[in-house]
């Protein structure tokens, strides 16, 4: 017999952050919500992925958040649910499966994308239980944009009243689970905003050198960024936060272990190719770890 979603379950998860009276239990651990930093030329299309990390093994029954961006620089044309949302929840017997699918979003208002994922199912089999791409945003860079313009994609709470007519604004990014009794468990989040940078036709190479002093040693590290044209490669920055550190090595290891997926067109994949041979393999993982622990001081390691 198929599991049924109830209207009470849908509402409890979907409105957990605001409209219902509830006392959440905050679970241990934090869920990472990160948007990519990508680039595109004026008039060209871009894709920007929003991913989840450190999803609890028990799973997520629902979430809601918003992304704010500069509509004078870019126009969003589509928002598509990611692979980790395909849990089979929509195929369960329910009057709401077709009318209110688990993933829904609103991007009709320029500059804002409101997102919700809520099954209402208390059977955690149909919850989100893995790290990976939660959604993909597609859009174009406006013809009025200028090279060097940056539209941030800021992850934030959905802009609405806590309850209709209350005059109090919702201020919660909600990631929750719902048990059979209707009790809600809420998870803390670590948010990493994304961006779209407008680039031109010229390709330039920028080398950034940082000197770190660890008594008695002095280590100089160099990261080369290739920007302009079609690509902007920040070697080693696999989590796209603008810094190369342990977190990038962890992202690289997750990719190599098959826990997350990148295509050759993804910025993370391009950044992960730290020996610049056109592919991402175990050697790249070793090189990145060696860079993080200062065994090598430059990226990329061409020919390594």
C-alpha atoms as a PDB file:
ATOM      1  CA  UNK A   1       0.000   0.000   0.000  1.00  0.00           C
ATOM      2  CA  UNK A   2       1.412   3.378  -0.969  1.00  0.00           C
ATOM      3  CA  UNK A   3       2.163   5.969   1.682  1.00  0.00           C
ATOM      4  CA  UNK A   4      -0.227   8.899   1.673  1.00  0.00           C
ATOM      5  CA  UNK A   5       0.651  12.530   2.168  1.00  0.00           C
ATOM      6  CA  UNK A   6      -1.846  14.484   4.218  1.00  0.00           C
ATOM      7  CA  UNK A   7      -2.712  18.159   3.943  1.00  0.00           C
ATOM      8  CA  UNK A   8      -1.661  18.560   7.578  1.00  0.00           C
ATOM      9  CA  UNK A   9       1.712  17.068   6.740  1.00  0.00           C
ATOM     10  CA  UNK A  10       2.167  19.314   3.718  1.00  0.00           C
ATOM     11  CA  UNK A  11       1.352  22.438   5.697  1.00  0.00           C
ATOM     12  CA  UNK A  12       3.429  21.460   8.704  1.00  0.00           C
ATOM     13  CA  UNK A  13       6.548  21.195   6.608  1.00  0.00           C
ATOM     14  CA  UNK A  14       5.839  23.908   4.074  1.00  0.00           C
ATOM     15  CA  UNK A  15       4.974  26.562   6.629  1.00  0.00           C
ATOM     16  CA  UNK A  16       7.222  25.374   9.445  1.00  0.00           C
ATOM     17  CA  UNK A  17       9.236  28.579   9.409  1.00  0.00           C
ATOM     18  CA  UNK A  18       6.357  30.938   9.893  1.00  0.00           C
ATOM     19  CA  UNK A  19       2.646  30.371   9.517  1.00  0.00           C
ATOM     20  CA  UNK A  20       2.061  27.580  12.024  1.00  0.00           C
ATOM     21  CA  UNK A  21       2.446  27.680  15.773  1.00  0.00           C
ATOM     22  CA  UNK A  22       5.148  25.176  16.607  1.00  0.00           C
ATOM     23  CA  UNK A  23       8.107  24.672  18.886  1.00  0.00           C
ATOM     24  CA  UNK A  24      10.970  23.228  16.847  1.00  0.00           C
ATOM     25  CA  UNK A  25      13.563  20.842  18.159  1.00  0.00           C
ATOM     26  CA  UNK A  26      16.959  21.900  16.811  1.00  0.00           C
ATOM     27  CA  UNK A  27      19.017  18.949  15.695  1.00  0.00           C
ATOM     28  CA  UNK A  28      22.760  18.604  16.031  1.00  0.00           C
ATOM     29  CA  UNK A  29      24.852  19.465  13.001  1.00  0.00           C
ATOM     30  CA  UNK A  30      24.509  22.030  10.253  1.00  0.00           C
ATOM     31  CA  UNK A  31      23.341  21.675   6.664  1.00  0.00           C
ATOM     32  CA  UNK A  32      25.341  23.545   4.053  1.00  0.00           C
ATOM     33  CA  UNK A  33      23.424  25.456   1.372  1.00  0.00           C
ATOM     34  CA  UNK A  34      25.726  26.820  -1.306  1.00  0.00           C
ATOM     35  CA  UNK A  35      25.219  28.538  -4.642  1.00  0.00           C
ATOM     36  CA  UNK A  36      27.813  28.483  -7.416  1.00  0.00           C
ATOM     37  CA  UNK A  37      29.907  31.428  -8.551  1.00  0.00           C
ATOM     38  CA  UNK A  38      29.772  31.422 -12.359  1.00  0.00           C
ATOM     39  CA  UNK A  39      30.506  33.803 -15.226  1.00  0.00           C
ATOM     40  CA  UNK A  40      28.965  34.596 -18.597  1.00  0.00           C
ATOM     41  CA  UNK A  41      29.208  37.121 -21.403  1.00  0.00           C
ATOM     42  CA  UNK A  42      26.682  39.844 -22.116  1.00  0.00           C
ATOM     43  CA  UNK A  43      23.643  38.309 -23.826  1.00  0.00           C
ATOM     44  CA  UNK A  44      24.718  34.745 -23.071  1.00  0.00           C
ATOM     45  CA  UNK A  45      23.031  32.070 -20.993  1.00  0.00           C
ATOM     46  CA  UNK A  46      24.326  30.932 -17.616  1.00  0.00           C
ATOM     47  CA  UNK A  47      23.502  28.061 -15.286  1.00  0.00           C
ATOM     48  CA  UNK A  48      23.997  28.266 -11.541  1.00  0.00           C
ATOM     49  CA  UNK A  49      23.520  25.311  -9.211  1.00  0.00           C
ATOM     50  CA  UNK A  50      22.460  25.399  -5.582  1.00  0.00           C
ATOM     51  CA  UNK A  51      23.702  22.378  -3.637  1.00  0.00           C
ATOM     52  CA  UNK A  52      23.235  20.868  -0.201  1.00  0.00           C
ATOM     53  CA  UNK A  53      25.986  19.337   1.903  1.00  0.00           C
ATOM     54  CA  UNK A  54      26.056  17.485   5.225  1.00  0.00           C
ATOM     55  CA  UNK A  55      22.467  16.323   4.763  1.00  0.00           C
ATOM     56  CA  UNK A  56      21.611  14.214   7.833  1.00  0.00           C
ATOM     57  CA  UNK A  57      21.380  10.463   7.307  1.00  0.00           C
ATOM     58  CA  UNK A  58      17.872  10.588   8.759  1.00  0.00           C
ATOM     59  CA  UNK A  59      16.852  12.839   5.870  1.00  0.00           C
ATOM     60  CA  UNK A  60      15.035  16.110   5.218  1.00  0.00           C
ATOM     61  CA  UNK A  61      11.259  16.220   4.949  1.00  0.00           C
ATOM     62  CA  UNK A  62      11.123  19.777   3.693  1.00  0.00           C
ATOM     63  CA  UNK A  63      12.809  23.126   3.286  1.00  0.00           C
ATOM     64  CA  UNK A  64      12.130  26.681   2.200  1.00  0.00           C
ATOM     65  CA  UNK A  65      14.402  29.559   1.283  1.00  0.00           C
ATOM     66  CA  UNK A  66      14.785  32.388  -1.197  1.00  0.00           C
ATOM     67  CA  UNK A  67      17.507  33.683  -3.492  1.00  0.00           C
ATOM     68  CA  UNK A  68      17.813  37.406  -4.173  1.00  0.00           C
ATOM     69  CA  UNK A  69      19.698  38.614  -7.265  1.00  0.00           C
ATOM     70  CA  UNK A  70      20.226  41.799  -9.295  1.00  0.00           C
ATOM     71  CA  UNK A  71      17.675  41.765 -12.099  1.00  0.00           C
ATOM     72  CA  UNK A  72      19.356  44.757 -13.767  1.00  0.00           C
ATOM     73  CA  UNK A  73      22.314  42.470 -14.539  1.00  0.00           C
ATOM     74  CA  UNK A  74      20.708  39.061 -15.175  1.00  0.00           C
ATOM     75  CA  UNK A  75      17.302  37.612 -16.020  1.00  0.00           C
ATOM     76  CA  UNK A  76      16.240  34.223 -14.625  1.00  0.00           C
ATOM     77  CA  UNK A  77      14.389  32.109 -17.200  1.00  0.00           C
ATOM     78  CA  UNK A  78      14.007  28.741 -15.453  1.00  0.00           C
ATOM     79  CA  UNK A  79      14.497  26.940 -12.147  1.00  0.00           C
ATOM     80  CA  UNK A  80      14.776  23.151 -12.254  1.00  0.00           C
ATOM     81  CA  UNK A  81      14.720  20.697  -9.345  1.00  0.00           C
ATOM     82  CA  UNK A  82      17.998  18.844  -8.785  1.00  0.00           C
ATOM     83  CA  UNK A  83      18.640  15.125  -8.711  1.00  0.00           C
ATOM     84  CA  UNK A  84      18.616  14.801  -4.911  1.00  0.00           C
ATOM     85  CA  UNK A  85      14.963  15.935  -4.807  1.00  0.00           C
ATOM     86  CA  UNK A  86      13.860  12.965  -6.910  1.00  0.00           C
ATOM     87  CA  UNK A  87      12.929  10.776  -3.948  1.00  0.00           C
ATOM     88  CA  UNK A  88       9.778   9.175  -5.357  1.00  0.00           C
ATOM     89  CA  UNK A  89       7.540  11.270  -3.100  1.00  0.00           C
ATOM     90  CA  UNK A  90       5.476  12.617  -5.986  1.00  0.00           C
ATOM     91  CA  UNK A  91       4.607   9.102  -7.142  1.00  0.00           C
ATOM     92  CA  UNK A  92       2.931   8.225  -3.843  1.00  0.00           C
ATOM     93  CA  UNK A  93      -0.858   7.969  -3.690  1.00  0.00           C
ATOM     94  CA  UNK A  94      -2.113  11.417  -2.720  1.00  0.00           C
ATOM     95  CA  UNK A  95      -4.635  13.945  -3.957  1.00  0.00           C
ATOM     96  CA  UNK A  96      -1.863  16.498  -3.778  1.00  0.00           C
ATOM     97  CA  UNK A  97       0.879  14.654  -5.662  1.00  0.00           C
ATOM     98  CA  UNK A  98      -0.075  16.167  -8.988  1.00  0.00           C
ATOM     99  CA  UNK A  99      -1.491  19.460  -7.729  1.00  0.00           C
ATOM    100  CA  UNK A 100       1.246  20.268  -5.233  1.00  0.00           C
ATOM    101  CA  UNK A 101       4.493  18.526  -6.203  1.00  0.00           C
ATOM    102  CA  UNK A 102       7.239  18.260  -3.616  1.00  0.00           C
ATOM    103  CA  UNK A 103       9.427  20.857  -5.359  1.00  0.00           C
ATOM    104  CA  UNK A 104       7.950  24.217  -6.246  1.00  0.00           C
ATOM    105  CA  UNK A 105       9.310  27.704  -6.827  1.00  0.00           C
ATOM    106  CA  UNK A 106       8.239  31.210  -7.760  1.00  0.00           C
ATOM    107  CA  UNK A 107      10.475  33.428  -9.882  1.00  0.00           C
ATOM    108  CA  UNK A 108       7.833  35.625 -11.472  1.00  0.00           C
ATOM    109  CA  UNK A 109       9.019  38.647  -9.482  1.00  0.00           C
ATOM    110  CA  UNK A 110      12.280  39.937 -10.961  1.00  0.00           C
ATOM    111  CA  UNK A 111      15.149  39.704  -8.499  1.00  0.00           C
ATOM    112  CA  UNK A 112      13.689  36.965  -6.290  1.00  0.00           C
ATOM    113  CA  UNK A 113      13.403  33.169  -6.426  1.00  0.00           C
ATOM    114  CA  UNK A 114      11.277  31.603  -3.668  1.00  0.00           C
ATOM    115  CA  UNK A 115      11.805  27.869  -3.231  1.00  0.00           C
ATOM    116  CA  UNK A 116      10.034  25.123  -1.307  1.00  0.00           C
ATOM    117  CA  UNK A 117      10.469  21.353  -1.102  1.00  0.00           C
ATOM    118  CA  UNK A 118       7.952  19.532   1.095  1.00  0.00           C
ATOM    119  CA  UNK A 119       6.673  15.994   0.912  1.00  0.00           C
ATOM    120  CA  UNK A 120       4.444  15.844   3.967  1.00  0.00           C
ATOM    121  CA  UNK A 121       5.321  12.128   4.047  1.00  0.00           C
ATOM    122  CA  UNK A 122       6.324  10.843   7.463  1.00  0.00           C
ATOM    123  CA  UNK A 123       8.037   7.851   5.844  1.00  0.00           C
ATOM    124  CA  UNK A 124      11.636   9.041   5.611  1.00  0.00           C
ATOM    125  CA  UNK A 125      12.197   6.748   2.622  1.00  0.00           C
ATOM    126  CA  UNK A 126      10.868   9.615   0.529  1.00  0.00           C
ATOM    127  CA  UNK A 127      12.946  12.379   2.098  1.00  0.00           C
ATOM    128  CA  UNK A 128      16.115  14.008   0.758  1.00  0.00           C
ATOM    129  CA  UNK A 129      18.982  11.932   2.143  1.00  0.00           C
ATOM    130  CA  UNK A 130      22.065  12.812   0.123  1.00  0.00           C
ATOM    131  CA  UNK A 131      24.341  15.714  -0.672  1.00  0.00           C
ATOM    132  CA  UNK A 132      24.270  17.149  -4.164  1.00  0.00           C
ATOM    133  CA  UNK A 133      22.515  19.560  -6.503  1.00  0.00           C
ATOM    134  CA  UNK A 134      19.200  20.745  -5.075  1.00  0.00           C
ATOM    135  CA  UNK A 135      18.245  23.030  -7.953  1.00  0.00           C
ATOM    136  CA  UNK A 136      19.636  24.586 -11.118  1.00  0.00           C
ATOM    137  CA  UNK A 137      18.946  28.168 -12.138  1.00  0.00           C
ATOM    138  CA  UNK A 138      19.097  29.119 -15.815  1.00  0.00           C
ATOM    139  CA  UNK A 139      19.170  32.687 -17.055  1.00  0.00           C
ATOM    140  CA  UNK A 140      20.794  35.210 -19.343  1.00  0.00           C
ATOM    141  CA  UNK A 141      23.058  38.204 -18.834  1.00  0.00           C
ATOM    142  CA  UNK A 142      21.166  41.357 -19.777  1.00  0.00           C
ATOM    143  CA  UNK A 143      22.286  43.337 -22.814  1.00  0.00           C
ATOM    144  CA  UNK A 144      22.472  46.410 -20.570  1.00  0.00           C
ATOM    145  CA  UNK A 145      25.019  44.741 -18.269  1.00  0.00           C
ATOM    146  CA  UNK A 146      28.664  45.795 -18.291  1.00  0.00           C
ATOM    147  CA  UNK A 147      31.807  43.693 -18.143  1.00  0.00           C
ATOM    148  CA  UNK A 148      32.785  43.357 -14.505  1.00  0.00           C
ATOM    149  CA  UNK A 149      29.226  43.594 -13.165  1.00  0.00           C
ATOM    150  CA  UNK A 150      28.424  40.996 -10.505  1.00  0.00           C
ATOM    151  CA  UNK A 151      24.949  39.828  -9.575  1.00  0.00           C
ATOM    152  CA  UNK A 152      25.070  38.050  -6.249  1.00  0.00           C
ATOM    153  CA  UNK A 153      22.620  35.219  -5.608  1.00  0.00           C
ATOM    154  CA  UNK A 154      22.035  35.682  -1.898  1.00  0.00           C
ATOM    155  CA  UNK A 155      20.401  32.856   0.055  1.00  0.00           C
ATOM    156  CA  UNK A 156      17.891  34.218   2.538  1.00  0.00           C
ATOM    157  CA  UNK A 157      14.470  33.782   4.131  1.00  0.00           C
ATOM    158  CA  UNK A 158      11.375  34.112   1.950  1.00  0.00           C
ATOM    159  CA  UNK A 159      10.116  37.684   2.221  1.00  0.00           C
ATOM    160  CA  UNK A 160       6.602  37.377   3.656  1.00  0.00           C
ATOM    161  CA  UNK A 161       4.759  37.983   6.895  1.00  0.00           C
ATOM    162  CA  UNK A 162       5.053  35.362   9.630  1.00  0.00           C
ATOM    163  CA  UNK A 163       1.262  35.192   9.600  1.00  0.00           C
ATOM    164  CA  UNK A 164      -1.046  37.181   7.326  1.00  0.00           C
ATOM    165  CA  UNK A 165      -1.642  40.663   8.722  1.00  0.00           C
ATOM    166  CA  UNK A 166       0.889  40.293  11.533  1.00  0.00           C
ATOM    167  CA  UNK A 167       3.264  42.905  10.161  1.00  0.00           C
ATOM    168  CA  UNK A 168       6.176  40.697  11.282  1.00  0.00           C
ATOM    169  CA  UNK A 169       8.553  39.537   8.575  1.00  0.00           C
ATOM    170  CA  UNK A 170       9.644  35.937   8.253  1.00  0.00           C
ATOM    171  CA  UNK A 171      13.376  35.662   8.935  1.00  0.00           C
ATOM    172  CA  UNK A 172      13.957  31.905   8.771  1.00  0.00           C
ATOM    173  CA  UNK A 173      15.621  29.672   6.208  1.00  0.00           C
ATOM    174  CA  UNK A 174      13.946  26.400   7.155  1.00  0.00           C
ATOM    175  CA  UNK A 175      15.279  22.847   6.768  1.00  0.00           C
ATOM    176  CA  UNK A 176      13.153  20.382   8.710  1.00  0.00           C
ATOM    177  CA  UNK A 177      11.928  16.840   9.199  1.00  0.00           C
ATOM    178  CA  UNK A 178       8.504  15.765  10.394  1.00  0.00           C
ATOM    179  CA  UNK A 179       7.744  12.682  12.498  1.00  0.00           C
ATOM    180  CA  UNK A 180       4.569  10.592  12.605  1.00  0.00           C
ATOM    181  CA  UNK A 181       3.171  12.761  15.429  1.00  0.00           C
ATOM    182  CA  UNK A 182       3.598  15.934  13.409  1.00  0.00           C
ATOM    183  CA  UNK A 183       6.552  17.135  15.511  1.00  0.00           C
ATOM    184  CA  UNK A 184       9.077  19.198  13.570  1.00  0.00           C
ATOM    185  CA  UNK A 185      12.847  18.925  13.886  1.00  0.00           C
ATOM    186  CA  UNK A 186      14.680  21.958  12.511  1.00  0.00           C
ATOM    187  CA  UNK A 187      18.302  22.036  11.318  1.00  0.00           C
ATOM    188  CA  UNK A 188      20.739  24.926  11.454  1.00  0.00           C
ATOM    189  CA  UNK A 189      22.232  26.006   8.127  1.00  0.00           C
ATOM    190  CA  UNK A 190      25.504  27.384   6.806  1.00  0.00           C
ATOM    191  CA  UNK A 191      24.778  29.576   3.800  1.00  0.00           C
ATOM    192  CA  UNK A 192      27.229  30.324   0.968  1.00  0.00           C
ATOM    193  CA  UNK A 193      25.965  32.858  -1.557  1.00  0.00           C
ATOM    194  CA  UNK A 194      26.609  32.523  -5.284  1.00  0.00           C
ATOM    195  CA  UNK A 195      27.079  35.024  -8.082  1.00  0.00           C
ATOM    196  CA  UNK A 196      27.135  35.638 -11.818  1.00  0.00           C
ATOM    197  CA  UNK A 197      30.073  37.734 -13.041  1.00  0.00           C
ATOM    198  CA  UNK A 198      29.857  39.441 -16.425  1.00  0.00           C
ATOM    199  CA  UNK A 199      32.989  38.784 -18.493  1.00  0.00           C
ATOM    200  CA  UNK A 200      34.322  40.010 -21.806  1.00  0.00           C
ATOM    201  CA  UNK A 201      36.108  38.442 -24.751  1.00  0.00           C
ATOM    202  CA  UNK A 202      39.674  39.026 -23.617  1.00  0.00           C
ATOM    203  CA  UNK A 203      41.392  36.345 -21.566  1.00  0.00           C
ATOM    204  CA  UNK A 204      43.657  37.474 -18.766  1.00  0.00           C
ATOM    205  CA  UNK A 205      45.650  35.522 -16.221  1.00  0.00           C
ATOM    206  CA  UNK A 206      45.953  36.718 -12.652  1.00  0.00           C
ATOM    207  CA  UNK A 207      48.374  35.192 -10.173  1.00  0.00           C
ATOM    208  CA  UNK A 208      47.698  35.683  -6.488  1.00  0.00           C
ATOM    209  CA  UNK A 209      50.546  35.072  -4.079  1.00  0.00           C
ATOM    210  CA  UNK A 210      50.077  34.769  -0.330  1.00  0.00           C
ATOM    211  CA  UNK A 211      52.873  34.356   2.208  1.00  0.00           C
ATOM    212  CA  UNK A 212      52.131  32.410   5.372  1.00  0.00           C
ATOM    213  CA  UNK A 213      54.553  32.419   8.295  1.00  0.00           C
ATOM    214  CA  UNK A 214      54.622  29.300  10.470  1.00  0.00           C
ATOM    215  CA  UNK A 215      57.612  29.564  12.768  1.00  0.00           C
ATOM    216  CA  UNK A 216      60.278  28.824  11.801  1.00  0.00           C
ATOM    217  CA  UNK A 217      59.137  28.238   8.198  1.00  0.00           C
ATOM    218  CA  UNK A 218      57.885  30.785   5.692  1.00  0.00           C
ATOM    219  CA  UNK A 219      55.720  29.367   2.889  1.00  0.00           C
ATOM    220  CA  UNK A 220      54.653  31.203  -0.268  1.00  0.00           C
ATOM    221  CA  UNK A 221      51.588  29.864  -2.061  1.00  0.00           C
ATOM    222  CA  UNK A 222      50.460  30.826  -5.538  1.00  0.00           C
ATOM    223  CA  UNK A 223      47.087  30.243  -7.196  1.00  0.00           C
ATOM    224  CA  UNK A 224      46.572  31.148 -10.843  1.00  0.00           C
ATOM    225  CA  UNK A 225      43.153  32.282 -12.022  1.00  0.00           C
ATOM    226  CA  UNK A 226      42.347  32.315 -15.731  1.00  0.00           C
ATOM    227  CA  UNK A 227      39.469  34.697 -16.460  1.00  0.00           C
ATOM    228  CA  UNK A 228      37.658  36.295 -19.352  1.00  0.00           C
ATOM    229  CA  UNK A 229      36.345  34.627 -22.481  1.00  0.00           C
ATOM    230  CA  UNK A 230      34.231  31.573 -21.794  1.00  0.00           C
ATOM    231  CA  UNK A 231      36.038  30.342 -18.696  1.00  0.00           C
ATOM    232  CA  UNK A 232      37.132  31.641 -15.344  1.00  0.00           C
ATOM    233  CA  UNK A 233      39.261  29.000 -13.703  1.00  0.00           C
ATOM    234  CA  UNK A 234      40.302  29.377 -10.070  1.00  0.00           C
ATOM    235  CA  UNK A 235      42.432  26.257  -9.679  1.00  0.00           C
ATOM    236  CA  UNK A 236      41.688  24.320  -6.500  1.00  0.00           C
ATOM    237  CA  UNK A 237      38.514  26.208  -5.556  1.00  0.00           C
ATOM    238  CA  UNK A 238      36.223  23.200  -5.902  1.00  0.00           C
ATOM    239  CA  UNK A 239      33.491  24.531  -3.587  1.00  0.00           C
ATOM    240  CA  UNK A 240      33.474  27.922  -5.347  1.00  0.00           C
ATOM    241  CA  UNK A 241      33.819  30.073  -2.227  1.00  0.00           C
ATOM    242  CA  UNK A 242      36.837  32.043  -3.478  1.00  0.00           C
ATOM    243  CA  UNK A 243      39.308  30.333  -1.118  1.00  0.00           C
ATOM    244  CA  UNK A 244      41.429  27.181  -1.539  1.00  0.00           C
ATOM    245  CA  UNK A 245      41.530  25.220   1.706  1.00  0.00           C
ATOM    246  CA  UNK A 246      40.564  21.950   3.400  1.00  0.00           C
ATOM    247  CA  UNK A 247      36.923  22.305   2.350  1.00  0.00           C
ATOM    248  CA  UNK A 248      37.961  22.142  -1.296  1.00  0.00           C
ATOM    249  CA  UNK A 249      39.912  18.940  -0.663  1.00  0.00           C
ATOM    250  CA  UNK A 250      36.802  17.467   0.964  1.00  0.00           C
ATOM    251  CA  UNK A 251      34.667  18.443  -2.057  1.00  0.00           C
ATOM    252  CA  UNK A 252      37.257  16.908  -4.374  1.00  0.00           C
ATOM    253  CA  UNK A 253      37.238  13.648  -2.391  1.00  0.00           C
ATOM    254  CA  UNK A 254      33.438  13.532  -2.484  1.00  0.00           C
ATOM    255  CA  UNK A 255      33.540  13.868  -6.277  1.00  0.00           C
ATOM    256  CA  UNK A 256      36.215  11.198  -6.651  1.00  0.00           C
ATOM    257  CA  UNK A 257      34.197   8.872  -4.394  1.00  0.00           C
ATOM    258  CA  UNK A 258      31.075   9.422  -6.484  1.00  0.00           C
ATOM    259  CA  UNK A 259      29.168  11.147  -3.683  1.00  0.00           C
ATOM    260  CA  UNK A 260      28.646  14.301  -5.728  1.00  0.00           C
ATOM    261  CA  UNK A 261      28.512  14.789  -9.489  1.00  0.00           C
ATOM    262  CA  UNK A 262      30.184  17.395 -11.697  1.00  0.00           C
ATOM    263  CA  UNK A 263      30.088  17.541 -15.468  1.00  0.00           C
ATOM    264  CA  UNK A 264      33.002  18.801 -17.519  1.00  0.00           C
ATOM    265  CA  UNK A 265      31.057  22.040 -18.024  1.00  0.00           C
ATOM    266  CA  UNK A 266      30.687  22.723 -14.308  1.00  0.00           C
ATOM    267  CA  UNK A 267      32.920  25.411 -12.814  1.00  0.00           C
ATOM    268  CA  UNK A 268      33.788  23.119  -9.900  1.00  0.00           C
ATOM    269  CA  UNK A 269      35.083  20.494 -12.350  1.00  0.00           C
ATOM    270  CA  UNK A 270      37.218  23.040 -14.202  1.00  0.00           C
ATOM    271  CA  UNK A 271      38.651  24.334 -10.929  1.00  0.00           C
ATOM    272  CA  UNK A 272      39.331  20.769  -9.767  1.00  0.00           C
ATOM    273  CA  UNK A 273      41.566  20.000 -12.769  1.00  0.00           C
ATOM    274  CA  UNK A 274      44.639  21.148 -10.848  1.00  0.00           C
ATOM    275  CA  UNK A 275      47.117  19.480 -13.198  1.00  0.00           C
ATOM    276  CA  UNK A 276      45.381  21.067 -16.212  1.00  0.00           C
ATOM    277  CA  UNK A 277      45.206  17.844 -18.230  1.00  0.00           C
ATOM    278  CA  UNK A 278      41.512  18.174 -19.074  1.00  0.00           C
ATOM    279  CA  UNK A 279      40.197  15.586 -16.597  1.00  0.00           C
ATOM    280  CA  UNK A 280      39.685  15.227 -12.846  1.00  0.00           C
ATOM    281  CA  UNK A 281      41.218  12.082 -11.361  1.00  0.00           C
ATOM    282  CA  UNK A 282      42.951  10.799  -8.232  1.00  0.00           C
ATOM    283  CA  UNK A 283      46.117  12.708  -9.186  1.00  0.00           C
ATOM    284  CA  UNK A 284      44.200  15.978  -8.924  1.00  0.00           C
ATOM    285  CA  UNK A 285      43.036  15.019  -5.445  1.00  0.00           C
ATOM    286  CA  UNK A 286      46.612  14.350  -4.354  1.00  0.00           C
ATOM    287  CA  UNK A 287      47.848  17.634  -5.819  1.00  0.00           C
ATOM    288  CA  UNK A 288      45.115  19.616  -4.087  1.00  0.00           C
ATOM    289  CA  UNK A 289      45.840  18.015  -0.706  1.00  0.00           C
ATOM    290  CA  UNK A 290      49.553  18.718  -1.184  1.00  0.00           C
ATOM    291  CA  UNK A 291      48.731  22.360  -1.867  1.00  0.00           C
ATOM    292  CA  UNK A 292      46.526  22.661   1.204  1.00  0.00           C
ATOM    293  CA  UNK A 293      49.258  21.259   3.487  1.00  0.00           C
ATOM    294  CA  UNK A 294      51.958  23.385   1.782  1.00  0.00           C
ATOM    295  CA  UNK A 295      53.919  20.555   0.179  1.00  0.00           C
ATOM    296  CA  UNK A 296      53.545  22.485  -3.077  1.00  0.00           C
ATOM    297  CA  UNK A 297      53.052  26.221  -3.471  1.00  0.00           C
ATOM    298  CA  UNK A 298      51.502  26.694  -6.902  1.00  0.00           C
ATOM    299  CA  UNK A 299      48.414  25.644  -8.831  1.00  0.00           C
ATOM    300  CA  UNK A 300      48.012  24.335 -11.433  1.00  0.00           C
ATOM    301  CA  UNK A 301      50.775  21.698 -11.419  1.00  0.00           C
ATOM    302  CA  UNK A 302      51.024  21.277 -15.188  1.00  0.00           C
ATOM    303  CA  UNK A 303      52.325  17.874 -16.263  1.00  0.00           C
ATOM    304  CA  UNK A 304      52.130  16.422 -12.748  1.00  0.00           C
END
